[in-house]
Amino acid sequence: MVFNFNLATLANLEEVAQWVLKNAAHKVLVFNGEMGAGKTTLIKEICKQLQVQDAVSSPTYAIVNEYCTVRSERIFHFDFYRLNHESEASDFGVEEYLDSEDWCLLEWAEKITNLMPSQFTEINIALSGQARSYQLKNQTI
């Protein structure tokens, strides 16, 4: 099933984050969109909704950031943009993270296609001026 959500401004991003968490069938969330579409911004709001205690920032250079919620749940935020080959992700054990049953929030997941779990939720973000449209698909490969 495919879900769609449109947002005229980022002022109501909280609604999008709640919508994603309500409709995501899996804890592995893949965020797709061009550079500057708002992937990290949405991830920050999702982390806020999940009551993350830590500061949330893009793991562009670290590749993965770990956050903790007030309920001691772990959330892993990945940014694979700087990977040259998916073997780099395999080398640090990305499969263990993805199989952990913890929340895993992935940016630029197309760089690790062969390492993806069989089930994940995909969020596609399209930017048109200041407006954004979001499409959510629960995937089973």
Protein backbone atom coordinates (compact mmCIF):
# COMPACT_ATOMS: atom_id res chain seq x y z
CA MET A 1 0.00 0.00 0.00
CA VAL A 2 1.23 3.50 -0.84
CA PHE A 3 0.48 6.53 1.34
CA ASN A 4 0.87 10.16 0.22
CA PHE A 5 1.16 13.37 2.20
CA ASN A 6 1.63 16.93 0.92
CA LEU A 7 3.07 19.80 2.93
CA ALA A 8 3.07 23.44 1.83
CA THR A 9 5.68 24.55 4.40
CA LEU A 10 7.96 22.95 6.95
CA ALA A 11 5.91 24.55 9.74
CA ASN A 12 3.80 21.38 9.97
CA LEU A 13 6.63 18.86 9.71
CA GLU A 14 5.51 17.37 13.02
CA GLU A 15 2.40 16.06 11.22
CA VAL A 16 4.54 14.36 8.57
CA ALA A 17 6.72 12.68 11.21
CA GLN A 18 3.65 11.41 13.07
CA TRP A 19 2.16 10.21 9.77
CA VAL A 20 5.37 8.31 8.93
CA LEU A 21 5.51 6.63 12.34
CA LYS A 22 1.82 5.71 12.14
CA ASN A 23 2.04 4.19 8.66
CA ALA A 24 5.50 2.61 8.66
CA ALA A 25 5.22 -1.15 8.85
CA HIS A 26 8.94 -1.58 9.55
CA LYS A 27 11.59 0.01 11.76
CA VAL A 28 14.04 0.34 8.88
CA LEU A 29 13.11 3.62 7.19
CA VAL A 30 14.72 4.61 3.89
CA PHE A 31 14.57 8.31 2.99
CA ASN A 32 14.88 9.18 -0.70
CA GLY A 33 15.08 12.62 -2.24
CA GLU A 34 17.46 14.92 -3.98
CA MET A 35 20.10 16.83 -2.06
CA GLY A 36 18.31 19.48 0.00
CA ALA A 37 14.88 17.80 -0.17
CA GLY A 38 14.67 17.59 3.61
CA LYS A 39 15.64 14.03 4.48
CA THR A 40 17.70 14.98 7.55
CA THR A 41 15.13 17.57 8.61
CA LEU A 42 12.37 14.93 8.59
CA ILE A 43 14.62 12.47 10.43
CA LYS A 44 15.22 15.08 13.14
CA GLU A 45 11.47 15.49 13.60
CA ILE A 46 10.91 11.73 13.66
CA CYS A 47 13.58 11.47 16.37
CA LYS A 48 11.81 14.22 18.29
CA GLN A 49 8.53 12.27 18.05
CA LEU A 50 10.34 9.14 19.30
CA GLN A 51 11.61 11.23 22.26
CA VAL A 52 15.31 11.09 21.47
CA GLN A 53 17.36 12.64 24.27
CA ASP A 54 20.47 13.31 22.19
CA ALA A 55 21.21 16.07 19.69
CA VAL A 56 20.29 14.80 16.23
CA SER A 57 22.60 15.72 13.36
CA SER A 58 23.58 14.39 9.97
CA PRO A 59 26.12 11.55 10.14
CA THR A 60 27.61 12.55 6.78
CA TYR A 61 31.20 11.99 7.90
CA ALA A 62 30.62 9.44 10.67
CA ILE A 63 28.23 7.41 8.43
CA VAL A 64 26.17 6.39 11.48
CA ASN A 65 24.98 8.21 14.59
CA GLU A 66 23.37 6.44 17.52
CA TYR A 67 20.66 8.15 19.56
CA CYS A 68 18.84 7.05 22.70
CA THR A 69 15.21 7.72 23.58
CA VAL A 70 13.81 8.48 27.02
CA ARG A 71 12.70 4.81 27.10
CA SER A 72 16.31 3.68 26.44
CA GLU A 73 15.48 2.59 22.88
CA ARG A 74 18.28 2.91 20.34
CA ILE A 75 17.92 4.69 17.03
CA PHE A 76 20.56 4.48 14.31
CA HIS A 77 20.79 7.25 11.71
CA PHE A 78 22.83 6.44 8.60
CA ASP A 79 24.05 8.67 5.77
CA PHE A 80 25.69 6.62 3.02
CA TYR A 81 26.31 9.58 0.69
CA ARG A 82 30.11 9.45 1.05
CA LEU A 83 30.45 5.70 0.51
CA ASN A 84 32.39 4.73 -2.59
CA HIS A 85 31.33 1.08 -2.46
CA GLU A 86 28.79 -0.83 -0.39
CA SER A 87 31.59 -3.05 0.94
CA GLU A 88 32.49 -0.08 3.18
CA ALA A 89 29.10 -0.46 4.89
CA SER A 90 29.51 -4.20 5.09
CA ASP A 91 32.95 -3.72 6.68
CA PHE A 92 31.48 -1.84 9.66
CA GLY A 93 28.64 -4.36 10.08
CA VAL A 94 25.63 -2.46 8.72
CA GLU A 95 23.69 -5.74 8.42
CA GLU A 96 23.83 -6.18 12.19
CA TYR A 97 22.31 -2.73 12.69
CA LEU A 98 19.59 -3.38 10.11
CA ASP A 99 18.71 -6.74 11.70
CA SER A 100 18.76 -5.35 15.26
CA GLU A 101 15.02 -4.52 15.45
CA ASP A 102 16.04 -1.01 16.54
CA TRP A 103 14.93 2.01 14.51
CA CYS A 104 17.29 2.47 11.55
CA LEU A 105 16.89 5.69 9.55
CA LEU A 106 18.78 5.58 6.25
CA GLU A 107 19.77 8.36 3.85
CA TRP A 108 21.25 7.47 0.44
CA ALA A 109 20.39 3.76 0.90
CA GLU A 110 20.73 3.22 -2.86
CA LYS A 111 24.48 2.94 -2.14
CA ILE A 112 23.89 -0.30 -0.15
CA THR A 113 21.20 -1.98 -2.28
CA ASN A 114 22.60 -5.50 -1.83
CA LEU A 115 22.81 -5.14 1.95
CA MET A 116 19.22 -4.03 2.54
CA PRO A 117 16.92 -6.21 4.67
CA SER A 118 14.00 -7.94 2.99
CA GLN A 119 11.49 -5.57 4.61
CA PHE A 120 11.73 -1.79 5.01
CA THR A 121 9.65 1.34 4.67
CA GLU A 122 10.57 3.79 1.94
CA ILE A 123 9.80 7.51 2.22
CA ASN A 124 10.19 9.46 -1.02
CA ILE A 125 10.42 13.24 -0.75
CA ALA A 126 9.81 15.49 -3.74
CA LEU A 127 10.50 19.20 -3.56
CA SER A 128 8.58 21.81 -5.56
CA GLY A 129 9.49 25.34 -4.50
CA GLN A 130 8.83 25.46 -0.76
CA ALA A 131 6.24 22.66 -0.95
CA ARG A 132 7.11 19.02 -0.41
CA SER A 133 5.28 15.82 -1.16
CA TYR A 134 5.94 12.62 0.74
CA GLN A 135 5.19 9.12 -0.43
CA LEU A 136 5.48 6.16 1.94
CA LYS A 137 5.75 2.56 0.70
CA ASN A 138 6.13 -0.49 2.89
CA GLN A 139 8.48 -2.76 0.93
CA THR A 140 9.08 -6.48 0.97
CA ILE A 141 11.80 -7.73 -1.34
